[in-house]
Amino acid sequence: MRKLILVTFVLLFAFLSTGFSQSLNLRFNNTFYTWKRLDEVPAAGTSATYTTHLTGYQNLAFDFNFGNKWTLSTSVQTDEDVVKKNGRGFSYRFYDAYLKGSNLFNVLDLKLGRQYVSGGSGRGTIDGAHFKLKFGERKEYQIIGFGGYLTPLAYDFEGYNKKLTENFLAGGQFLYYGVKDLSVGLSYANKQRAVDPYWTIRPDENFNQKDVLIETESRADQYGGVDLTYRLMKKHNLYGRAYYDFNKKKFYKGEFNGIFALNDKIKFSVGYFYKEPQLSVNTIFWVFNYLKYQEIQGGLDYSTKLLGTDVNIYGRFGGVIYEKDNSLKFQLGLSGASYGLGITKYTGYAGESEGAFAYYNHEILKTKLALTSSINYSRYNLGNYSSDKTDVFGGTLGLTYRPVSRFSVDAQGQFMTNEIYKFDTRFLLGINYWLFSNFN
């Protein structure tokens, strides 16, 4: 299966590049990240030992357009340890690798290959197919369907040893846009994730230890849901959703959000969230007791001018309600196009902590050189065993150099100090390249 996908992908790319392609949109960046690792916690009276690591990351994303309706897209990430191997030393991830047809026969959008799908209650990454059918004079009726093999958790091309019937995601969604400023979606999804068997030690009938192969059934999820979005009077936005678990025969998630514009400068937001843990059928977690929780949110935004620039001054409040306790969160701050600052406070069941942050970005040379910087501070408790709070202080300072529009270099220094690392420093260097070419 892995070889077939790779060979098909390469042959298709070679075929399209022979004369049918029209344009290529490509982005590539190569980043190197250096850091120190504490090998082990030192014993009393001994000094700590560290190793220095250098890791490289490569990201490639491109859209290869041919004809008027077809696009070949992919998004790939690789990483390797340049200095001091850590774990496997090298890995790759194919997040996307699909062929897309747009508005085929004036009614159909089609995607074939590895892709992330999202349709109401169903979402995930599959190696399969996704389609959208559009009907009506204004395409106000839309039917979405998707299905395929669940992508390996490492996003590679290993692990295709499971049957499709025990490792898949399939579902669909019906969307309606027939009423102005209103959209309605009804969805269904069926998902099964096969678990790898493993060997362990178990006692036999005489209580002697023996090796036993443990094989479990696929984790099964089956959900349905409704999503509603409405824009009231072209300035108030309302959103709600409710999802139902067919296996547990109960609603497990509900949400409502509203943003109300009191005038051109002031916006008020409210939100409510209800959720139960998503426990798949045939997992050990079914033997434990679990509780639902609810969350409420509120916020106020005020837009004005400060130092000649547009800024948003905001306040946020959030509360998580458990069965016998609660947790509260408060935020205050302001944000602009190039700077911002804020403070945050947590209290209650989630713990006691507070923090502050600030950032500033500045274009030193127009379109050529830019400065980025940030600083943050926080205090929190390390559990109930200590009443003393731990201080954490960190920051970043970076430069972006763009000699031409398609090429840029990023350099960033990072530092942090806390109870474990007296002074931890890291450095990042990135090279970015963007290409658009119209072959016609």
Protein backbone atom coordinates (compact mmCIF):
# COMPACT_ATOMS: atom_id res chain seq x y z
CA MET A 1 0.00 0.00 0.00
CA ARG A 2 2.78 2.44 0.91
CA LYS A 3 4.75 1.74 -2.29
CA LEU A 4 1.62 2.00 -4.43
CA ILE A 5 0.78 5.45 -3.04
CA LEU A 6 4.31 6.76 -3.52
CA VAL A 7 4.68 5.38 -7.05
CA THR A 8 1.26 6.71 -8.11
CA PHE A 9 2.08 10.13 -6.70
CA VAL A 10 5.44 10.33 -8.53
CA LEU A 11 4.04 9.09 -11.86
CA LEU A 12 1.12 11.50 -11.70
CA PHE A 13 3.44 14.41 -10.99
CA ALA A 14 5.71 13.43 -13.90
CA PHE A 15 2.74 13.12 -16.26
CA LEU A 16 1.32 16.50 -15.35
CA SER A 17 4.66 18.25 -15.76
CA THR A 18 5.01 17.11 -19.39
CA GLY A 19 2.72 19.76 -20.81
CA PHE A 20 -0.62 19.96 -19.04
CA SER A 21 0.44 22.13 -16.12
CA GLN A 22 -0.44 25.81 -16.08
CA SER A 23 0.89 27.18 -12.80
CA LEU A 24 2.89 26.21 -9.73
CA ASN A 25 2.55 27.80 -6.29
CA LEU A 26 5.32 26.54 -4.01
CA ARG A 27 6.49 27.38 -0.49
CA PHE A 28 9.61 25.90 1.08
CA ASN A 29 11.30 26.66 4.38
CA ASN A 30 14.30 25.11 6.06
CA THR A 31 14.74 25.78 9.78
CA PHE A 32 17.58 24.88 12.13
CA TYR A 33 16.96 24.84 15.86
CA THR A 34 19.71 24.50 18.48
CA TRP A 35 19.04 23.66 22.12
CA LYS A 36 20.52 22.03 25.20
CA ARG A 37 19.10 18.95 26.89
CA LEU A 38 19.43 17.99 30.55
CA ASP A 39 20.57 14.36 30.47
CA GLU A 40 19.31 13.50 33.94
CA VAL A 41 18.41 15.14 37.23
CA PRO A 42 21.71 15.47 39.13
CA ALA A 43 22.16 13.79 42.49
CA ALA A 44 22.87 15.87 45.56
CA GLY A 45 26.36 17.33 45.47
CA THR A 46 26.89 16.66 41.76
CA SER A 47 26.70 18.98 38.78
CA ALA A 48 24.22 18.61 35.95
CA THR A 49 25.32 17.39 32.52
CA TYR A 50 23.88 18.69 29.26
CA THR A 51 24.12 17.79 25.59
CA THR A 52 23.83 20.29 22.75
CA HIS A 53 21.46 19.40 19.90
CA LEU A 54 20.95 20.82 16.42
CA THR A 55 17.76 19.79 14.62
CA GLY A 56 16.70 20.70 11.11
CA TYR A 57 13.10 21.01 9.90
CA GLN A 58 11.97 21.23 6.27
CA ASN A 59 8.45 22.17 5.16
CA LEU A 60 7.30 21.95 1.55
CA ALA A 61 3.84 22.88 0.30
CA PHE A 62 2.81 23.30 -3.31
CA ASP A 63 -0.24 23.53 -5.54
CA PHE A 64 0.30 22.33 -9.10
CA ASN A 65 -2.57 23.61 -11.30
CA PHE A 66 -3.33 22.17 -14.72
CA GLY A 67 -6.29 22.78 -16.95
CA ASN A 68 -8.92 25.02 -15.43
CA LYS A 69 -10.25 22.63 -12.85
CA TRP A 70 -7.51 20.34 -11.51
CA THR A 71 -4.89 20.86 -8.79
CA LEU A 72 -2.26 18.58 -7.31
CA SER A 73 -1.47 19.60 -3.72
CA THR A 74 0.86 18.37 -1.03
CA SER A 75 2.21 19.43 2.35
CA VAL A 76 5.30 17.61 3.66
CA GLN A 77 7.50 18.02 6.72
CA THR A 78 10.83 16.32 7.42
CA ASP A 79 13.16 16.66 10.37
CA GLU A 80 16.57 15.29 11.20
CA ASP A 81 19.09 15.52 14.03
CA VAL A 82 22.24 17.17 12.72
CA VAL A 83 24.11 17.06 16.03
CA LYS A 84 23.37 14.36 18.67
CA LYS A 85 20.73 11.87 17.57
CA ASN A 86 17.49 12.06 19.51
CA GLY A 87 14.94 9.26 19.09
CA ARG A 88 14.80 7.97 15.49
CA GLY A 89 17.02 10.78 14.25
CA PHE A 90 14.95 11.34 11.11
CA SER A 91 11.25 11.39 10.33
CA TYR A 92 8.84 12.64 7.70
CA ARG A 93 5.16 13.54 7.69
CA PHE A 94 2.83 13.82 4.70
CA TYR A 95 -0.04 15.97 5.96
CA ASP A 96 -1.58 16.34 2.49
CA ALA A 97 -1.07 14.63 -0.86
CA TYR A 98 -4.20 14.81 -2.99
CA LEU A 99 -5.62 15.54 -6.42
CA LYS A 100 -8.46 18.06 -6.46
CA GLY A 101 -11.07 18.76 -9.11
CA SER A 102 -13.03 22.00 -8.73
CA ASN A 103 -16.56 22.62 -10.01
CA LEU A 104 -16.59 19.57 -12.25
CA PHE A 105 -19.70 19.50 -14.46
CA ASN A 106 -20.62 22.72 -12.61
CA VAL A 107 -21.82 20.73 -9.57
CA LEU A 108 -18.94 18.68 -8.10
CA ASP A 109 -15.77 19.29 -6.08
CA LEU A 110 -13.62 16.17 -5.67
CA LYS A 111 -10.45 15.36 -3.68
CA LEU A 112 -8.57 12.06 -3.90
CA GLY A 113 -5.60 11.13 -1.70
CA ARG A 114 -4.31 12.02 1.76
CA GLN A 115 -6.26 14.94 3.21
CA TYR A 116 -7.79 16.41 6.33
CA VAL A 117 -11.58 16.24 6.19
CA SER A 118 -14.02 18.18 8.32
CA GLY A 119 -17.77 17.88 8.15
CA GLY A 120 -19.57 18.84 11.34
CA SER A 121 -19.23 15.95 13.78
CA GLY A 122 -16.72 14.09 11.60
CA ARG A 123 -13.13 15.19 11.19
CA GLY A 124 -9.72 13.62 10.78
CA THR A 125 -7.00 12.79 8.26
CA ILE A 126 -7.68 9.99 5.79
CA ASP A 127 -6.19 8.34 2.73
CA GLY A 128 -9.35 8.36 0.67
CA ALA A 129 -11.92 10.55 -1.07
CA HIS A 130 -13.95 13.68 -0.37
CA PHE A 131 -16.68 15.16 -2.54
CA LYS A 132 -19.08 18.08 -2.46
CA LEU A 133 -22.22 18.28 -4.62
CA LYS A 134 -23.82 21.72 -5.11
CA PHE A 135 -27.43 22.15 -6.21
CA GLY A 136 -29.92 24.96 -6.62
CA GLU A 137 -29.93 28.23 -8.50
CA ARG A 138 -27.45 29.76 -6.04
CA LYS A 139 -25.81 26.47 -4.96
CA GLU A 140 -27.76 26.76 -1.71
CA TYR A 141 -27.99 22.97 -1.26
CA GLN A 142 -24.70 21.15 -0.70
CA ILE A 143 -23.99 17.51 0.07
CA ILE A 144 -20.59 16.50 1.42
CA GLY A 145 -19.33 12.93 1.66
CA PHE A 146 -15.97 11.49 2.66
CA GLY A 147 -14.41 8.18 3.51
CA GLY A 148 -11.11 6.39 3.64
CA TYR A 149 -8.37 4.65 5.57
CA LEU A 150 -7.34 6.49 8.72
CA THR A 151 -3.87 7.92 8.20
CA PRO A 152 -1.13 6.46 10.41
CA LEU A 153 -0.63 8.56 13.53
CA ALA A 154 2.91 9.44 12.40
CA TYR A 155 1.60 10.74 9.03
CA ASP A 156 3.98 8.42 7.20
CA PHE A 157 3.27 5.52 4.84
CA GLU A 158 3.82 2.73 7.37
CA GLY A 159 1.22 0.69 9.23
CA TYR A 160 -1.15 -0.33 6.43
CA ASN A 161 -1.43 -3.81 7.91
CA LYS A 162 -4.94 -3.27 9.28
CA LYS A 163 -8.19 -4.06 7.50
CA LEU A 164 -10.16 -1.15 6.10
CA THR A 165 -13.26 -2.33 7.99
CA GLU A 166 -11.48 -1.83 11.32
CA ASN A 167 -9.54 1.36 10.58
CA PHE A 168 -11.56 3.98 8.71
CA LEU A 169 -13.42 7.26 8.86
CA ALA A 170 -16.58 7.81 6.82
CA GLY A 171 -19.30 10.41 7.02
CA GLY A 172 -21.22 13.19 5.38
CA GLN A 173 -22.88 16.53 5.86
CA PHE A 174 -25.85 18.35 4.36
CA LEU A 175 -25.54 22.15 4.16
CA TYR A 176 -28.28 24.68 3.44
CA TYR A 177 -27.72 28.35 2.56
CA GLY A 178 -31.18 29.19 1.22
CA VAL A 179 -32.05 31.85 3.81
CA LYS A 180 -30.02 35.05 3.75
CA ASP A 181 -27.27 35.19 6.40
CA LEU A 182 -28.21 31.69 7.67
CA SER A 183 -26.36 28.40 7.22
CA VAL A 184 -27.50 25.04 8.57
CA GLY A 185 -25.54 21.80 8.62
CA LEU A 186 -26.56 18.24 9.50
CA SER A 187 -23.74 15.70 9.82
CA TYR A 188 -22.94 12.08 10.58
CA ALA A 189 -19.60 10.27 11.04
CA ASN A 190 -18.50 6.71 11.76
CA LYS A 191 -14.91 6.18 12.86
CA GLN A 192 -12.98 3.08 13.88
CA ARG A 193 -9.32 3.13 14.84
CA ALA A 194 -7.57 -0.26 15.08
CA VAL A 195 -5.16 -0.64 18.02
CA ASP A 196 -1.85 -2.42 17.49
CA PRO A 197 -1.55 -5.72 19.38
CA TYR A 198 1.15 -5.98 22.03
CA TRP A 199 2.88 -8.61 24.16
CA THR A 200 2.74 -8.54 27.94
CA ILE A 201 3.17 -10.85 30.94
CA ARG A 202 0.13 -12.53 32.49
CA PRO A 203 -0.27 -15.38 35.03
CA ASP A 204 -1.54 -18.76 33.85
CA GLU A 205 -3.89 -21.06 35.77
CA ASN A 206 -0.99 -22.04 38.08
CA PHE A 207 0.03 -18.38 38.56
CA ASN A 208 3.18 -18.84 36.53
CA GLN A 209 4.18 -15.91 34.36
CA LYS A 210 3.81 -16.26 30.61
CA ASP A 211 3.93 -14.00 27.56
CA VAL A 212 0.47 -13.20 26.16
CA LEU A 213 -0.42 -11.35 22.94
CA ILE A 214 -3.14 -8.78 23.67
CA GLU A 215 -5.45 -8.01 20.76
CA THR A 216 -8.36 -5.61 21.15
CA GLU A 217 -11.21 -4.58 18.90
CA SER A 218 -11.14 -1.28 17.06
CA ARG A 219 -12.04 1.84 18.98
CA ALA A 220 -15.45 2.82 17.66
CA ASP A 221 -17.05 6.25 17.48
CA GLN A 222 -20.37 7.16 15.86
CA TYR A 223 -21.56 10.74 16.00
CA GLY A 224 -24.22 13.01 14.56
CA GLY A 225 -24.63 16.74 14.84
CA VAL A 226 -26.20 20.01 13.80
CA ASP A 227 -24.39 23.32 13.18
CA LEU A 228 -26.09 26.71 12.86
CA THR A 229 -24.58 30.05 11.88
CA TYR A 230 -26.58 33.27 11.57
CA ARG A 231 -25.63 36.88 10.96
CA LEU A 232 -28.23 39.22 12.42
CA MET A 233 -28.70 42.69 10.91
CA LYS A 234 -25.27 42.32 9.22
CA LYS A 235 -23.42 43.10 12.46
CA HIS A 236 -24.26 40.40 15.04
CA ASN A 237 -22.89 36.88 14.58
CA LEU A 238 -24.46 33.83 16.21
CA TYR A 239 -23.16 30.26 16.15
CA GLY A 240 -24.44 27.07 17.78
CA ARG A 241 -23.83 23.35 17.52
CA ALA A 242 -24.94 20.14 19.23
CA TYR A 243 -23.39 16.68 18.75
CA TYR A 244 -24.89 13.31 19.64
CA ASP A 245 -23.08 10.06 20.46
CA PHE A 246 -25.05 7.15 18.97
CA ASN A 247 -23.07 4.54 20.91
CA LYS A 248 -23.71 6.13 24.30
CA LYS A 249 -27.16 7.39 23.21
CA LYS A 250 -26.66 10.88 24.63
CA PHE A 251 -25.51 14.36 23.69
CA TYR A 252 -21.83 14.80 24.45
CA LYS A 253 -21.10 18.32 23.17
CA GLY A 254 -23.01 21.56 22.81
CA GLU A 255 -21.89 25.11 22.14
CA PHE A 256 -23.29 28.59 21.62
CA ASN A 257 -21.33 31.75 20.74
CA GLY A 258 -22.56 35.23 20.04
CA ILE A 259 -20.78 38.44 19.05
CA PHE A 260 -22.88 41.60 19.29
CA ALA A 261 -21.76 44.98 17.94
CA LEU A 262 -23.16 47.65 20.26
CA ASN A 263 -21.76 50.35 17.94
CA ASP A 264 -18.80 50.88 15.62
CA LYS A 265 -16.31 50.69 18.51
CA ILE A 266 -17.75 48.31 21.10
CA LYS A 267 -18.40 44.58 20.71
CA PHE A 268 -19.74 42.22 23.35
CA SER A 269 -19.31 38.44 23.19
CA VAL A 270 -20.87 35.59 25.15
CA GLY A 271 -20.39 31.85 24.98
CA TYR A 272 -21.55 28.61 26.54
CA PHE A 273 -19.92 25.20 26.16
CA TYR A 274 -21.04 21.76 27.36
CA LYS A 275 -18.90 18.65 26.99
CA GLU A 276 -18.50 15.09 28.17
CA PRO A 277 -15.31 13.08 27.62
CA GLN A 278 -15.26 11.35 24.22
CA LEU A 279 -14.71 7.72 25.16
CA SER A 280 -14.53 5.27 22.29
CA VAL A 281 -16.28 1.92 22.51
CA ASN A 282 -14.00 -1.03 23.38
CA THR A 283 -11.50 0.99 25.42
CA ILE A 284 -10.42 0.49 29.04
CA PHE A 285 -11.64 3.99 29.91
CA TRP A 286 -15.22 2.75 30.00
CA VAL A 287 -14.56 1.16 33.42
CA PHE A 288 -13.86 4.56 35.01
CA ASN A 289 -16.38 7.10 36.22
CA TYR A 290 -16.36 10.31 34.24
CA LEU A 291 -18.07 13.67 34.65
CA LYS A 292 -19.26 16.37 32.29
CA TYR A 293 -18.28 20.00 32.57
CA GLN A 294 -19.68 23.31 31.42
CA GLU A 295 -17.92 26.49 30.42
CA ILE A 296 -19.15 30.06 30.18
CA GLN A 297 -17.35 32.94 28.48
CA GLY A 298 -17.80 36.66 28.14
CA GLY A 299 -15.81 39.49 26.63
CA LEU A 300 -15.80 43.16 25.76
CA ASP A 301 -13.77 44.74 22.92
CA TYR A 302 -13.23 48.46 22.41
CA SER A 303 -11.61 49.74 19.21
CA THR A 304 -9.84 53.09 19.28
CA LYS A 305 -6.65 54.86 18.24
CA LEU A 306 -3.52 54.98 20.36
CA LEU A 307 -0.30 56.71 19.29
CA GLY A 308 -1.79 57.17 15.83
CA THR A 309 -2.56 53.47 15.25
CA ASP A 310 -5.68 51.32 15.55
CA VAL A 311 -5.80 49.21 18.71
CA ASN A 312 -8.26 46.90 20.37
CA ILE A 313 -8.67 47.05 24.15
CA TYR A 314 -10.25 43.87 25.46
CA GLY A 315 -11.38 42.11 28.59
CA ARG A 316 -12.23 38.41 28.81
CA PHE A 317 -13.86 36.24 31.44
CA GLY A 318 -14.14 32.47 31.45
CA GLY A 319 -15.44 29.95 33.95
CA VAL A 320 -15.34 26.15 33.90
CA ILE A 321 -18.06 24.57 36.05
CA TYR A 322 -17.45 21.08 37.41
CA GLU A 323 -19.80 19.02 39.57
CA LYS A 324 -18.32 20.15 42.90
CA ASP A 325 -15.90 22.91 41.95
CA ASN A 326 -15.08 25.53 39.36
CA SER A 327 -12.19 27.35 37.73
CA LEU A 328 -12.04 30.97 36.61
CA LYS A 329 -9.92 32.84 34.08
CA PHE A 330 -9.55 36.60 33.61
CA GLN A 331 -7.77 38.49 30.81
CA LEU A 332 -7.09 42.15 30.16
CA GLY A 333 -5.02 43.63 27.35
CA LEU A 334 -4.66 45.61 24.19
CA SER A 335 -3.47 44.61 20.73
CA GLY A 336 -2.45 46.55 17.67
CA ALA A 337 -0.88 45.80 14.31
CA SER A 338 2.67 45.92 15.69
CA TYR A 339 2.43 45.75 19.46
CA GLY A 340 0.36 44.41 22.30
CA LEU A 341 0.35 43.54 25.99
CA GLY A 342 -1.89 41.74 28.43
CA ILE A 343 -2.31 40.06 31.81
CA THR A 344 -3.96 36.74 32.68
CA LYS A 345 -5.20 35.29 35.99
CA TYR A 346 -6.34 31.72 36.78
CA THR A 347 -7.98 30.69 40.02
CA GLY A 348 -10.00 27.82 41.45
CA TYR A 349 -9.84 24.10 40.66
CA ALA A 350 -7.39 24.55 37.75
CA GLY A 351 -4.84 26.13 40.09
CA GLU A 352 -3.62 29.57 41.06
CA SER A 353 -1.48 31.42 38.53
CA GLU A 354 -1.00 34.80 36.95
CA GLY A 355 0.98 36.03 34.00
CA ALA A 356 1.80 39.00 31.79
CA PHE A 357 3.08 39.31 28.23
CA ALA A 358 4.07 41.96 25.70
CA TYR A 359 5.20 41.94 22.07
CA TYR A 360 6.55 44.50 19.64
CA ASN A 361 7.24 44.25 15.90
CA HIS A 362 8.89 46.95 13.81
CA GLU A 363 9.76 47.32 10.14
CA ILE A 364 13.33 48.68 10.14
CA LEU A 365 13.74 48.82 6.36
CA LYS A 366 10.55 48.81 4.32
CA THR A 367 9.86 45.32 2.86
CA LYS A 368 13.50 44.37 3.65
CA LEU A 369 14.21 44.09 7.36
CA ALA A 370 11.84 43.64 10.30
CA LEU A 371 12.27 43.20 14.05
CA THR A 372 10.14 40.89 16.20
CA SER A 373 10.26 40.67 19.99
CA SER A 374 8.22 39.35 22.89
CA ILE A 375 8.54 38.96 26.65
CA ASN A 376 6.43 37.02 29.19
CA TYR A 377 6.28 36.37 32.91
CA SER A 378 4.18 33.97 34.98
CA ARG A 379 3.80 32.68 38.57
CA TYR A 380 2.09 29.42 39.52
CA ASN A 381 1.84 26.70 42.15
CA LEU A 382 3.48 23.31 41.62
CA GLY A 383 0.62 21.31 43.15
CA ASN A 384 -0.89 21.38 46.62
CA TYR A 385 2.24 20.27 48.43
CA SER A 386 3.74 23.76 48.38
CA SER A 387 2.26 27.19 49.00
CA ASP A 388 5.24 28.92 47.37
CA LYS A 389 4.84 30.01 43.78
CA THR A 390 7.30 29.34 40.97
CA ASP A 391 8.44 32.19 38.73
CA VAL A 392 8.97 31.76 34.98
CA PHE A 393 10.44 34.48 32.78
CA GLY A 394 11.09 34.25 29.04
CA GLY A 395 11.38 36.17 25.83
CA THR A 396 12.32 36.19 22.14
CA LEU A 397 14.19 38.56 19.85
CA GLY A 398 14.32 38.06 16.11
CA LEU A 399 15.06 39.59 12.72
CA THR A 400 13.51 38.85 9.32
CA TYR A 401 15.52 39.80 6.25
CA ARG A 402 13.82 39.77 2.83
CA PRO A 403 16.24 40.82 0.05
CA VAL A 404 13.65 39.90 -2.61
CA SER A 405 9.93 39.24 -2.35
CA ARG A 406 10.31 35.47 -2.78
CA PHE A 407 13.14 34.84 -0.33
CA SER A 408 13.55 35.59 3.38
CA VAL A 409 15.80 34.62 6.29
CA ASP A 410 14.59 34.47 9.90
CA ALA A 411 16.89 34.50 12.93
CA GLN A 412 15.47 34.30 16.45
CA GLY A 413 16.97 33.98 19.90
CA GLN A 414 14.92 32.57 22.79
CA PHE A 415 15.57 32.48 26.51
CA MET A 416 13.79 31.22 29.60
CA THR A 417 14.56 31.01 33.29
CA ASN A 418 12.66 28.94 35.87
CA GLU A 419 13.20 26.66 38.83
CA ILE A 420 14.76 23.88 36.72
CA TYR A 421 16.67 25.87 34.09
CA LYS A 422 18.46 28.82 35.66
CA PHE A 423 18.99 30.29 32.20
CA ASP A 424 17.95 28.34 29.11
CA THR A 425 18.87 29.78 25.69
CA ARG A 426 17.93 28.55 22.21
CA PHE A 427 18.50 29.80 18.69
CA LEU A 428 16.46 29.36 15.50
CA LEU A 429 17.52 30.05 11.92
CA GLY A 430 15.03 29.75 9.07
CA ILE A 431 15.29 30.08 5.29
CA ASN A 432 12.04 30.59 3.38
CA TYR A 433 11.37 30.51 -0.35
CA TRP A 434 8.14 31.17 -2.24
CA LEU A 435 7.64 30.55 -5.97
CA PHE A 436 4.73 31.20 -8.29
CA SER A 437 5.14 30.39 -11.95
CA ASN A 438 2.57 30.51 -14.72
CA PHE A 439 3.74 28.12 -17.43
CA ASN A 440 1.40 29.59 -20.00
